[in-house]
C-alpha atoms as a PDB file:
ATOM      1  CA  MET A   1      50.123  60.010 114.045  1.00  0.00           C
ATOM      2  CA  LEU A   2      49.792  63.720 113.460  1.00  0.00           C
ATOM      3  CA  ALA A   3      47.367  64.030 116.385  1.00  0.00           C
ATOM      4  CA  LEU A   4      49.877  62.243 118.685  1.00  0.00           C
ATOM      5  CA  ARG A   5      52.699  64.657 117.718  1.00  0.00           C
ATOM      6  CA  LEU A   6      50.402  67.633 118.307  1.00  0.00           C
ATOM      7  CA  ALA A   7      49.492  66.394 121.747  1.00  0.00           C
ATOM      8  CA  VAL A   8      53.121  65.897 122.765  1.00  0.00           C
ATOM      9  CA  PHE A   9      54.000  69.446 121.525  1.00  0.00           C
ATOM     10  CA  LEU A  10      51.127  71.010 123.528  1.00  0.00           C
ATOM     11  CA  ARG A  11      52.110  69.085 126.681  1.00  0.00           C
ATOM     12  CA  ARG A  12      55.720  70.391 126.429  1.00  0.00           C
ATOM     13  CA  GLN A  13      54.476  73.955 125.978  1.00  0.00           C
ATOM     14  CA  LEU A  14      52.259  73.700 129.091  1.00  0.00           C
ATOM     15  CA  LEU A  15      55.086  72.269 131.196  1.00  0.00           C
ATOM     16  CA  ALA A  16      57.463  75.048 130.108  1.00  0.00           C
ATOM     17  CA  ALA A  17      54.892  77.724 130.962  1.00  0.00           C
ATOM     18  CA  ARG A  18      54.262  76.170 134.367  1.00  0.00           C
ATOM     19  CA  GLU A  19      57.972  76.093 135.217  1.00  0.00           C
ATOM     20  CA  LYS A  20      58.359  79.730 134.183  1.00  0.00           C
ATOM     21  CA  ALA A  21      55.433  80.767 136.371  1.00  0.00           C
ATOM     22  CA  GLU A  22      56.918  78.974 139.420  1.00  0.00           C
ATOM     23  CA  GLU A  23      60.302  80.864 139.195  1.00  0.00           C
ATOM     24  CA  THR A  24      61.253  82.911 142.283  1.00  0.00           C
ATOM     25  CA  PRO A  25      62.145  86.616 142.125  1.00  0.00           C
ATOM     26  CA  ALA A  26      65.813  85.813 142.673  1.00  0.00           C
ATOM     27  CA  GLN A  27      65.818  83.473 139.694  1.00  0.00           C
ATOM     28  CA  LEU A  28      64.129  86.100 137.529  1.00  0.00           C
ATOM     29  CA  ALA A  29      66.696  88.770 138.530  1.00  0.00           C
ATOM     30  CA  ARG A  30      69.588  86.386 137.796  1.00  0.00           C
ATOM     31  CA  SER A  31      68.256  85.542 134.324  1.00  0.00           C
ATOM     32  CA  ALA A  32      67.594  89.188 133.534  1.00  0.00           C
ATOM     33  CA  ARG A  33      71.121  90.205 134.502  1.00  0.00           C
ATOM     34  CA  ALA A  34      73.174  90.832 131.266  1.00  0.00           C
ATOM     35  CA  LEU A  35      76.630  89.395 130.866  1.00  0.00           C
ATOM     36  CA  PRO A  36      79.556  91.857 130.583  1.00  0.00           C
ATOM     37  CA  PRO A  37      80.761  92.560 127.035  1.00  0.00           C
ATOM     38  CA  ARG A  38      83.613  90.550 125.621  1.00  0.00           C
ATOM     39  CA  THR A  39      85.786  93.611 125.296  1.00  0.00           C
ATOM     40  CA  GLU A  40      86.170  93.819 129.101  1.00  0.00           C
ATOM     41  CA  LYS A  41      87.637  90.363 129.250  1.00  0.00           C
ATOM     42  CA  MET A  42      90.121  90.727 126.390  1.00  0.00           C
ATOM     43  CA  ALA A  43      93.815  90.724 127.161  1.00  0.00           C
ATOM     44  CA  VAL A  44      96.142  93.339 125.744  1.00  0.00           C
ATOM     45  CA  ASP A  45      98.345  90.772 123.978  1.00  0.00           C
ATOM     46  CA  GLN A  46      95.507  88.562 122.668  1.00  0.00           C
ATOM     47  CA  ASP A  47      95.641  86.898 119.269  1.00  0.00           C
ATOM     48  CA  TRP A  48      93.593  89.290 117.175  1.00  0.00           C
ATOM     49  CA  PRO A  49      93.262  87.030 114.072  1.00  0.00           C
ATOM     50  CA  SER A  50      91.432  84.578 116.309  1.00  0.00           C
ATOM     51  CA  VAL A  51      88.893  87.258 117.130  1.00  0.00           C
ATOM     52  CA  TYR A  52      88.352  88.289 113.468  1.00  0.00           C
ATOM     53  CA  PRO A  53      89.556  85.363 111.381  1.00  0.00           C
ATOM     54  CA  VAL A  54      87.404  86.195 108.314  1.00  0.00           C
ATOM     55  CA  ALA A  55      85.438  89.107 106.861  1.00  0.00           C
ATOM     56  CA  VAL A  56      82.310  89.585 108.996  1.00  0.00           C
ATOM     57  CA  PRO A  57      80.120  92.553 109.879  1.00  0.00           C
ATOM     58  CA  PHE A  58      81.175  94.829 112.687  1.00  0.00           C
ATOM     59  CA  LYS A  59      80.620  93.367 116.168  1.00  0.00           C
ATOM     60  CA  PRO A  60      80.702  96.021 118.948  1.00  0.00           C
ATOM     61  CA  SER A  61      81.177  93.427 121.665  1.00  0.00           C
ATOM     62  CA  ALA A  62      84.400  92.118 120.038  1.00  0.00           C
ATOM     63  CA  VAL A  63      86.146  95.390 119.162  1.00  0.00           C
ATOM     64  CA  PRO A  64      87.837  97.016 122.219  1.00  0.00           C
ATOM     65  CA  LEU A  65      87.980 100.458 120.584  1.00  0.00           C
ATOM     66  CA  PRO A  66      85.739 103.497 121.214  1.00  0.00           C
ATOM     67  CA  VAL A  67      84.507 103.619 117.659  1.00  0.00           C
ATOM     68  CA  ARG A  68      81.840 106.213 116.824  1.00  0.00           C
ATOM     69  CA  MET A  69      80.042 106.832 113.597  1.00  0.00           C
ATOM     70  CA  GLY A  70      76.961 108.662 112.431  1.00  0.00           C
ATOM     71  CA  TYR A  71      75.531 112.147 112.084  1.00  0.00           C
ATOM     72  CA  PRO A  72      75.757 114.063 115.393  1.00  0.00           C
ATOM     73  CA  VAL A  73      72.393 115.241 116.659  1.00  0.00           C
ATOM     74  CA  LYS A  74      72.084 118.714 118.247  1.00  0.00           C
ATOM     75  CA  ARG A  75      75.828 119.416 117.986  1.00  0.00           C
ATOM     76  CA  GLY A  76      76.599 116.339 120.010  1.00  0.00           C
ATOM     77  CA  ILE A  77      79.084 113.533 119.371  1.00  0.00           C
ATOM     78  CA  PRO A  78      78.461 110.707 116.891  1.00  0.00           C
ATOM     79  CA  MET A  79      76.703 107.579 118.080  1.00  0.00           C
ATOM     80  CA  ALA A  80      78.638 104.952 119.988  1.00  0.00           C
ATOM     81  CA  LYS A  81      79.373 101.512 118.570  1.00  0.00           C
ATOM     82  CA  GLU A  82      76.593  99.729 120.457  1.00  0.00           C
ATOM     83  CA  GLY A  83      73.564  99.358 118.229  1.00  0.00           C
ATOM     84  CA  ASN A  84      75.101 101.608 115.547  1.00  0.00           C
ATOM     85  CA  LEU A  85      73.682 100.618 112.129  1.00  0.00           C
ATOM     86  CA  GLU A  86      76.114 102.874 110.328  1.00  0.00           C
ATOM     87  CA  LEU A  87      78.974 100.588 111.311  1.00  0.00           C
ATOM     88  CA  LEU A  88      77.082  97.628 109.900  1.00  0.00           C
ATOM     89  CA  LYS A  89      76.505  99.178 106.487  1.00  0.00           C
ATOM     90  CA  ILE A  90      80.113  99.437 105.421  1.00  0.00           C
ATOM     91  CA  PRO A  91      82.673  96.619 105.049  1.00  0.00           C
ATOM     92  CA  ASN A  92      85.462  96.566 107.608  1.00  0.00           C
ATOM     93  CA  PHE A  93      89.022  95.262 107.382  1.00  0.00           C
ATOM     94  CA  LEU A  94      89.476  94.124 110.938  1.00  0.00           C
ATOM     95  CA  HIS A  95      90.377  90.659 109.595  1.00  0.00           C
ATOM     96  CA  LEU A  96      93.267  92.087 107.530  1.00  0.00           C
ATOM     97  CA  THR A  97      95.496  93.542 110.220  1.00  0.00           C
ATOM     98  CA  PRO A  98      99.291  93.429 109.721  1.00  0.00           C
ATOM     99  CA  VAL A  99      99.532  90.442 112.049  1.00  0.00           C
ATOM    100  CA  ALA A 100      96.886  88.516 110.073  1.00  0.00           C
ATOM    101  CA  ILE A 101      98.506  89.353 106.748  1.00  0.00           C
ATOM    102  CA  LYS A 102     101.859  88.155 108.060  1.00  0.00           C
ATOM    103  CA  LYS A 103     100.239  84.861 109.136  1.00  0.00           C
ATOM    104  CA  HIS A 104      98.624  84.415 105.687  1.00  0.00           C
ATOM    105  CA  CYS A 105     101.904  85.070 103.899  1.00  0.00           C
ATOM    106  CA  GLN A 106     103.736  82.687 106.140  1.00  0.00           C
ATOM    107  CA  ALA A 107     101.140  79.948 105.381  1.00  0.00           C
ATOM    108  CA  LEU A 108     101.379  80.616 101.632  1.00  0.00           C
ATOM    109  CA  LYS A 109     105.165  80.652 101.631  1.00  0.00           C
ATOM    110  CA  ASP A 110     105.354  76.850 101.454  1.00  0.00           C
ATOM    111  CA  PHE A 111     103.396  76.882  98.171  1.00  0.00           C
ATOM    112  CA  CYS A 112     105.543  79.562  96.481  1.00  0.00           C
ATOM    113  CA  THR A 113     108.521  78.897  94.223  1.00  0.00           C
ATOM    114  CA  GLU A 114     111.757  80.828  94.044  1.00  0.00           C
ATOM    115  CA  TRP A 115     112.254  83.608  91.488  1.00  0.00           C
ATOM    116  CA  PRO A 116     114.019  82.269  88.370  1.00  0.00           C
ATOM    117  CA  ALA A 117     117.731  83.079  88.528  1.00  0.00           C
ATOM    118  CA  ALA A 118     117.876  83.765  84.747  1.00  0.00           C
ATOM    119  CA  LEU A 119     115.420  86.703  85.075  1.00  0.00           C
ATOM    120  CA  ASN A 120     117.878  88.933  86.921  1.00  0.00           C
ATOM    121  CA  SER A 121     117.080  92.154  85.033  1.00  0.00           C
ATOM    122  CA  ASP A 122     114.124  94.082  83.686  1.00  0.00           C
ATOM    123  CA  GLU A 123     115.342  93.692  80.111  1.00  0.00           C
ATOM    124  CA  LYS A 124     115.277  89.922  80.350  1.00  0.00           C
ATOM    125  CA  CYS A 125     111.775  89.964  81.856  1.00  0.00           C
ATOM    126  CA  VAL A 126     110.489  92.146  79.022  1.00  0.00           C
ATOM    127  CA  LYS A 127     112.204  89.894  76.480  1.00  0.00           C
ATOM    128  CA  HIS A 128     110.691  86.640  77.728  1.00  0.00           C
ATOM    129  CA  PHE A 129     107.355  88.150  78.909  1.00  0.00           C
ATOM    130  CA  PRO A 130     106.552  90.966  76.500  1.00  0.00           C
ATOM    131  CA  ILE A 131     102.860  91.183  77.293  1.00  0.00           C
ATOM    132  CA  GLU A 132     101.935  93.508  80.197  1.00  0.00           C
ATOM    133  CA  ILE A 133      98.494  93.251  81.893  1.00  0.00           C
ATOM    134  CA  ASP A 134      97.166  96.061  84.099  1.00  0.00           C
ATOM    135  CA  THR A 135      94.185  95.569  86.432  1.00  0.00           C
ATOM    136  CA  ALA A 136      92.946  97.435  89.497  1.00  0.00           C
ATOM    137  CA  ASP A 137      91.028  96.499  92.634  1.00  0.00           C
ATOM    138  CA  TYR A 138      88.893  99.042  94.450  1.00  0.00           C
ATOM    139  CA  VAL A 139      87.734  99.407  98.023  1.00  0.00           C
ATOM    140  CA  SER A 140      84.127 100.614  98.032  1.00  0.00           C
ATOM    141  CA  SER A 141      82.369 102.035 101.035  1.00  0.00           C
ATOM    142  CA  GLY A 142      78.904 100.723 100.325  1.00  0.00           C
ATOM    143  CA  PRO A 143      76.611  97.778 100.809  1.00  0.00           C
ATOM    144  CA  SER A 144      78.525  95.809  98.117  1.00  0.00           C
ATOM    145  CA  ILE A 145      82.265  95.225  97.956  1.00  0.00           C
ATOM    146  CA  ARG A 146      82.206  94.993  94.144  1.00  0.00           C
ATOM    147  CA  ASN A 147      83.153  97.951  91.938  1.00  0.00           C
ATOM    148  CA  PRO A 148      82.238  98.106  88.248  1.00  0.00           C
ATOM    149  CA  LYS A 149      85.667  99.530  87.326  1.00  0.00           C
ATOM    150  CA  ALA A 150      87.455  96.398  88.706  1.00  0.00           C
ATOM    151  CA  ARG A 151      86.522  94.440  85.577  1.00  0.00           C
ATOM    152  CA  GLU A 152      88.615  96.643  83.301  1.00  0.00           C
ATOM    153  CA  VAL A 153      91.754  95.024  81.807  1.00  0.00           C
ATOM    154  CA  THR A 154      94.510  96.858  79.906  1.00  0.00           C
ATOM    155  CA  LEU A 155      96.911  94.902  77.691  1.00  0.00           C
ATOM    156  CA  ARG A 156     100.197  96.427  76.491  1.00  0.00           C
ATOM    157  CA  VAL A 157     102.758  94.949  74.151  1.00  0.00           C
ATOM    158  CA  LYS A 158     105.568  96.273  71.945  1.00  0.00           C
ATOM    159  CA  LEU A 159     105.266  95.442  68.285  1.00  0.00           C
ATOM    160  CA  SER A 160     109.031  94.931  68.120  1.00  0.00           C
ATOM    161  CA  SER A 161     108.560  91.901  70.420  1.00  0.00           C
ATOM    162  CA  LEU A 162     106.111  90.268  68.011  1.00  0.00           C
ATOM    163  CA  ASN A 163     107.233  88.208  65.023  1.00  0.00           C
ATOM    164  CA  LEU A 164     106.013  90.573  62.287  1.00  0.00           C
ATOM    165  CA  ASP A 165     107.433  91.445  58.887  1.00  0.00           C
ATOM    166  CA  ASP A 166     107.082  94.876  57.278  1.00  0.00           C
ATOM    167  CA  HIS A 167     103.724  94.114  55.658  1.00  0.00           C
ATOM    168  CA  ALA A 168     102.248  92.505  58.818  1.00  0.00           C
ATOM    169  CA  LYS A 169     103.379  95.363  61.019  1.00  0.00           C
ATOM    170  CA  LYS A 170     101.902  98.049  58.765  1.00  0.00           C
ATOM    171  CA  LYS A 171      98.652  96.147  58.455  1.00  0.00           C
ATOM    172  CA  LEU A 172      98.359  95.633  62.214  1.00  0.00           C
ATOM    173  CA  ILE A 173      98.973  99.360  62.793  1.00  0.00           C
ATOM    174  CA  LYS A 174      96.229 100.115  60.282  1.00  0.00           C
ATOM    175  CA  LEU A 175      93.803  97.765  62.025  1.00  0.00           C
ATOM    176  CA  VAL A 176      94.381  98.992  65.571  1.00  0.00           C
ATOM    177  CA  GLY A 177      94.256 102.707  64.671  1.00  0.00           C
ATOM    178  CA  GLU A 178      94.829 105.066  67.641  1.00  0.00           C
ATOM    179  CA  ARG A 179      95.588 102.179  69.983  1.00  0.00           C
ATOM    180  CA  TYR A 180      99.155 102.134  68.718  1.00  0.00           C
ATOM    181  CA  CYS A 181     101.680 104.698  69.858  1.00  0.00           C
ATOM    182  CA  LYS A 182     104.386 105.286  67.281  1.00  0.00           C
ATOM    183  CA  THR A 183     106.706 107.039  69.759  1.00  0.00           C
ATOM    184  CA  THR A 184     106.899 104.148  72.242  1.00  0.00           C
ATOM    185  CA  ASP A 185     106.031 101.328  69.771  1.00  0.00           C
ATOM    186  CA  VAL A 186     103.396 100.097  72.230  1.00  0.00           C
ATOM    187  CA  LEU A 187     100.022  98.616  71.357  1.00  0.00           C
ATOM    188  CA  THR A 188      97.374  99.167  74.040  1.00  0.00           C
ATOM    189  CA  ILE A 189      94.141  97.135  74.184  1.00  0.00           C
ATOM    190  CA  LYS A 190      91.543  97.978  76.863  1.00  0.00           C
ATOM    191  CA  THR A 191      88.570  95.720  77.456  1.00  0.00           C
ATOM    192  CA  ASP A 192      85.603  96.341  79.761  1.00  0.00           C
ATOM    193  CA  ARG A 193      82.628  94.783  77.920  1.00  0.00           C
ATOM    194  CA  CYS A 194      82.361  91.579  79.948  1.00  0.00           C
ATOM    195  CA  PRO A 195      81.073  91.592  83.586  1.00  0.00           C
ATOM    196  CA  LEU A 196      84.086  89.750  85.062  1.00  0.00           C
ATOM    197  CA  LYS A 197      87.802  90.608  85.062  1.00  0.00           C
ATOM    198  CA  ARG A 198      88.797  87.115  83.846  1.00  0.00           C
ATOM    199  CA  GLN A 199      86.442  87.346  80.937  1.00  0.00           C
ATOM    200  CA  ASN A 200      87.856  90.685  79.863  1.00  0.00           C
ATOM    201  CA  TYR A 201      91.411  89.264  80.133  1.00  0.00           C
ATOM    202  CA  ASP A 202      90.458  86.356  77.867  1.00  0.00           C
ATOM    203  CA  TYR A 203      88.828  88.818  75.457  1.00  0.00           C
ATOM    204  CA  ALA A 204      91.940  90.966  75.310  1.00  0.00           C
ATOM    205  CA  MET A 205      94.141  87.965  74.573  1.00  0.00           C
ATOM    206  CA  TYR A 206      91.693  86.878  71.897  1.00  0.00           C
ATOM    207  CA  LEU A 207      91.820  90.287  70.225  1.00  0.00           C
ATOM    208  CA  LEU A 208      95.629  90.236  70.197  1.00  0.00           C
ATOM    209  CA  THR A 209      95.631  86.730  68.669  1.00  0.00           C
ATOM    210  CA  VAL A 210      93.122  87.741  65.950  1.00  0.00           C
ATOM    211  CA  LEU A 211      95.052  90.921  65.125  1.00  0.00           C
ATOM    212  CA  TYR A 212      98.312  88.981  64.827  1.00  0.00           C
ATOM    213  CA  HIS A 213      96.939  86.351  62.450  1.00  0.00           C
ATOM    214  CA  GLU A 214      94.962  88.839  60.370  1.00  0.00           C
ATOM    215  CA  SER A 215      98.020  91.039  59.874  1.00  0.00           C
ATOM    216  CA  TRP A 216      99.855  88.152  58.250  1.00  0.00           C
ATOM    217  CA  LYS A 217      97.134  87.675  55.612  1.00  0.00           C
ATOM    218  CA  THR A 218      97.608  89.256  52.253  1.00  0.00           C
ATOM    219  CA  GLU A 219      94.430  89.912  50.297  1.00  0.00           C
ATOM    220  CA  GLU A 220      94.269  90.139  46.521  1.00  0.00           C
ATOM    221  CA  TRP A 221      93.533  93.848  46.548  1.00  0.00           C
ATOM    222  CA  GLU A 222      96.676  94.475  48.634  1.00  0.00           C
ATOM    223  CA  LYS A 223      98.888  93.095  45.841  1.00  0.00           C
ATOM    224  CA  ASN A 224      97.533  95.737  43.435  1.00  0.00           C
ATOM    225  CA  LYS A 225      98.241  98.759  45.664  1.00  0.00           C
ATOM    226  CA  THR A 226      99.928 101.656  43.913  1.00  0.00           C
ATOM    227  CA  GLU A 227     102.656 103.865  45.286  1.00  0.00           C
ATOM    228  CA  ALA A 228     100.162 106.582  46.242  1.00  0.00           C
ATOM    229  CA  GLU A 229      98.096 104.097  48.267  1.00  0.00           C
ATOM    230  CA  MET A 230     101.017 102.962  50.507  1.00  0.00           C
ATOM    231  CA  GLU A 231     100.902 103.766  54.232  1.00  0.00           C
ATOM    232  CA  GLU A 232     104.303 105.400  53.996  1.00  0.00           C
ATOM    233  CA  TYR A 233     106.745 106.358  51.250  1.00  0.00           C
ATOM    234  CA  ILE A 234     109.401 103.709  50.451  1.00  0.00           C
ATOM    235  CA  TRP A 235     112.521 104.578  48.468  1.00  0.00           C
ATOM    236  CA  GLU A 236     113.064 101.088  47.103  1.00  0.00           C
ATOM    237  CA  ASN A 237     111.354 100.443  43.734  1.00  0.00           C
ATOM    238  CA  SER A 238     109.937 103.970  43.677  1.00  0.00           C
ATOM    239  CA  SER A 239     109.701 106.181  40.634  1.00  0.00           C
ATOM    240  CA  SER A 240     111.928 108.785  42.308  1.00  0.00           C
ATOM    241  CA  LYS A 241     114.791 106.242  42.567  1.00  0.00           C
ATOM    242  CA  LYS A 242     114.464 105.447  38.848  1.00  0.00           C
ATOM    243  CA  ASN A 243     114.365 109.126  37.882  1.00  0.00           C
ATOM    244  CA  VAL A 244     117.484 109.911  39.975  1.00  0.00           C
ATOM    245  CA  LEU A 245     119.340 106.992  38.427  1.00  0.00           C
ATOM    246  CA  GLU A 246     118.423 108.037  34.883  1.00  0.00           C
ATOM    247  CA  THR A 247     119.527 111.637  35.617  1.00  0.00           C
ATOM    248  CA  LEU A 248     122.887 110.560  37.057  1.00  0.00           C
ATOM    249  CA  LEU A 249     123.532 108.225  34.139  1.00  0.00           C
ATOM    250  CA  GLN A 250     122.841 111.052  31.732  1.00  0.00           C
ATOM    251  CA  ILE A 251     125.237 113.329  33.646  1.00  0.00           C
ATOM    252  CA  SER A 252     127.908 110.606  33.626  1.00  0.00           C
ATOM    253  CA  ALA A 253     127.446 110.089  29.880  1.00  0.00           C
ATOM    254  CA  ALA A 254     127.757 113.819  29.272  1.00  0.00           C
ATOM    255  CA  GLU A 255     130.954 113.889  31.288  1.00  0.00           C
ATOM    256  CA  LYS A 256     132.247 110.895  29.214  1.00  0.00           C
ATOM    257  CA  ASN A 257     132.488 108.601  32.234  1.00  0.00           C
ATOM    258  CA  PRO A 258     130.668 105.454  31.136  1.00  0.00           C
ATOM    259  CA  GLU A 259     132.544 103.153  33.505  1.00  0.00           C
ATOM    260  CA  VAL A 260     130.421 104.146  36.505  1.00  0.00           C
ATOM    261  CA  ASN A 261     127.757 101.502  37.292  1.00  0.00           C
ATOM    262  CA  GLU A 262     124.354 101.943  38.955  1.00  0.00           C
ATOM    263  CA  GLU A 263     125.411 100.702  42.402  1.00  0.00           C
ATOM    264  CA  GLU A 264     128.194 103.234  42.621  1.00  0.00           C
ATOM    265  CA  LEU A 265     125.875 106.041  41.660  1.00  0.00           C
ATOM    266  CA  LEU A 266     123.219 105.087  44.229  1.00  0.00           C
ATOM    267  CA  GLY A 267     125.829 104.561  46.962  1.00  0.00           C
ATOM    268  CA  THR A 268     127.165 108.128  46.943  1.00  0.00           C
ATOM    269  CA  LYS A 269     126.641 110.495  49.856  1.00  0.00           C
ATOM    270  CA  GLU A 270     124.621 112.884  47.665  1.00  0.00           C
ATOM    271  CA  VAL A 271     122.093 110.225  46.703  1.00  0.00           C
ATOM    272  CA  GLU A 272     121.800 108.921  50.287  1.00  0.00           C
ATOM    273  CA  TYR A 273     121.148 112.470  51.559  1.00  0.00           C
ATOM    274  CA  TYR A 274     118.567 113.001  48.825  1.00  0.00           C
ATOM    275  CA  GLN A 275     116.898 109.682  49.766  1.00  0.00           C
ATOM    276  CA  LYS A 276     116.576 110.622  53.464  1.00  0.00           C
ATOM    277  CA  SER A 277     115.294 114.143  52.614  1.00  0.00           C
ATOM    278  CA  LEU A 278     112.705 112.796  50.187  1.00  0.00           C
ATOM    279  CA  VAL A 279     111.426 110.083  52.556  1.00  0.00           C
ATOM    280  CA  SER A 280     111.199 112.628  55.369  1.00  0.00           C
ATOM    281  CA  LEU A 281     109.287 115.042  53.119  1.00  0.00           C
ATOM    282  CA  LYS A 282     106.838 112.373  51.997  1.00  0.00           C
ATOM    283  CA  ASN A 283     106.166 110.833  55.413  1.00  0.00           C
ATOM    284  CA  GLU A 284     106.328 113.827  57.714  1.00  0.00           C
ATOM    285  CA  GLY A 285     104.677 116.311  55.370  1.00  0.00           C
ATOM    286  CA  GLU A 286     105.750 119.661  54.044  1.00  0.00           C
ATOM    287  CA  ASN A 287     107.168 122.113  56.559  1.00  0.00           C
ATOM    288  CA  GLU A 288     110.044 124.558  56.711  1.00  0.00           C
ATOM    289  CA  VAL A 289     112.594 121.986  57.840  1.00  0.00           C
ATOM    290  CA  THR A 290     111.721 119.187  55.364  1.00  0.00           C
ATOM    291  CA  LEU A 291     111.459 121.581  52.418  1.00  0.00           C
ATOM    292  CA  SER A 292     114.791 123.289  53.145  1.00  0.00           C
ATOM    293  CA  ARG A 293     116.467 119.864  53.588  1.00  0.00           C
ATOM    294  CA  TYR A 294     114.977 118.633  50.297  1.00  0.00           C
ATOM    295  CA  LYS A 295     116.137 121.776  48.486  1.00  0.00           C
ATOM    296  CA  GLU A 296     119.704 121.355  49.780  1.00  0.00           C
ATOM    297  CA  SER A 297     119.743 117.658  48.800  1.00  0.00           C
ATOM    298  CA  VAL A 298     118.684 118.506  45.206  1.00  0.00           C
ATOM    299  CA  LYS A 299     121.450 121.072  44.937  1.00  0.00           C
ATOM    300  CA  ARG A 300     124.016 118.599  46.148  1.00  0.00           C
ATOM    301  CA  LEU A 301     122.720 115.886  43.804  1.00  0.00           C
ATOM    302  CA  LEU A 302     122.979 118.114  40.732  1.00  0.00           C
ATOM    303  CA  ASN A 303     126.225 119.704  41.916  1.00  0.00           C
ATOM    304  CA  LEU A 304     124.764 123.185  42.039  1.00  0.00           C
ATOM    305  CA  THR A 305     126.263 124.302  45.392  1.00  0.00           C
END
């Protein structure tokens, strides 16, 4: 069977060679004559998306433009588009002309839904969709259209939009460190460890979920924290509040005014001003402004002004 196929193949090759040898000079000249390029037959108002429907390498016979590219030799002009390898190395966007993009959008319009009428302002959009995702796509002039930076994903969310109590918020801020901006109340998580953008997006959402649930947990050692170990100074249940109350009660007893209760003493303007000055001094640190404000509040509290 194999010998029969080989014999048939050899016979066909001999017949083709014999026919080629018997061709006339006119037939040889006609076959050697090259066809004109496609660019000479193109109409001015042709449908360009039909010429370049998808992303393909540069074809000089299909682009009716005098494109030149390459290093000029001996102060000449760059190479023409015919047989130019430099035009084949880089990706082109001849398939993404404005006309082609308009056709794509028109085709996708049937699959799109209308914008929700309830989301008629930026405030409502932020309220219902508090998480903001930032990604970027890059156009690279190289043999590959992929860019390593395109996999980076940045997640931003305001802590005020999360359901956190005072303990959970402070613990989450402690866990994220410098990723939280106190001025804007925005938590920023940037991921670029995974090779794909979708994987980094999933990883960022996973980190946010873990941080949220971990911040709600209260460990045993957290219950035994002292006042000096707190992240920020709190006036309620502090030793300063007790000392101020005892001092004011002693002053009231010396003035023979025992009818004044604790709530009235703590609700005075002098105590409120002292509370704000002390909290500012403890949390912001000692400087000229906080020290002078604290000094003035003590004078008002003790009626020394």
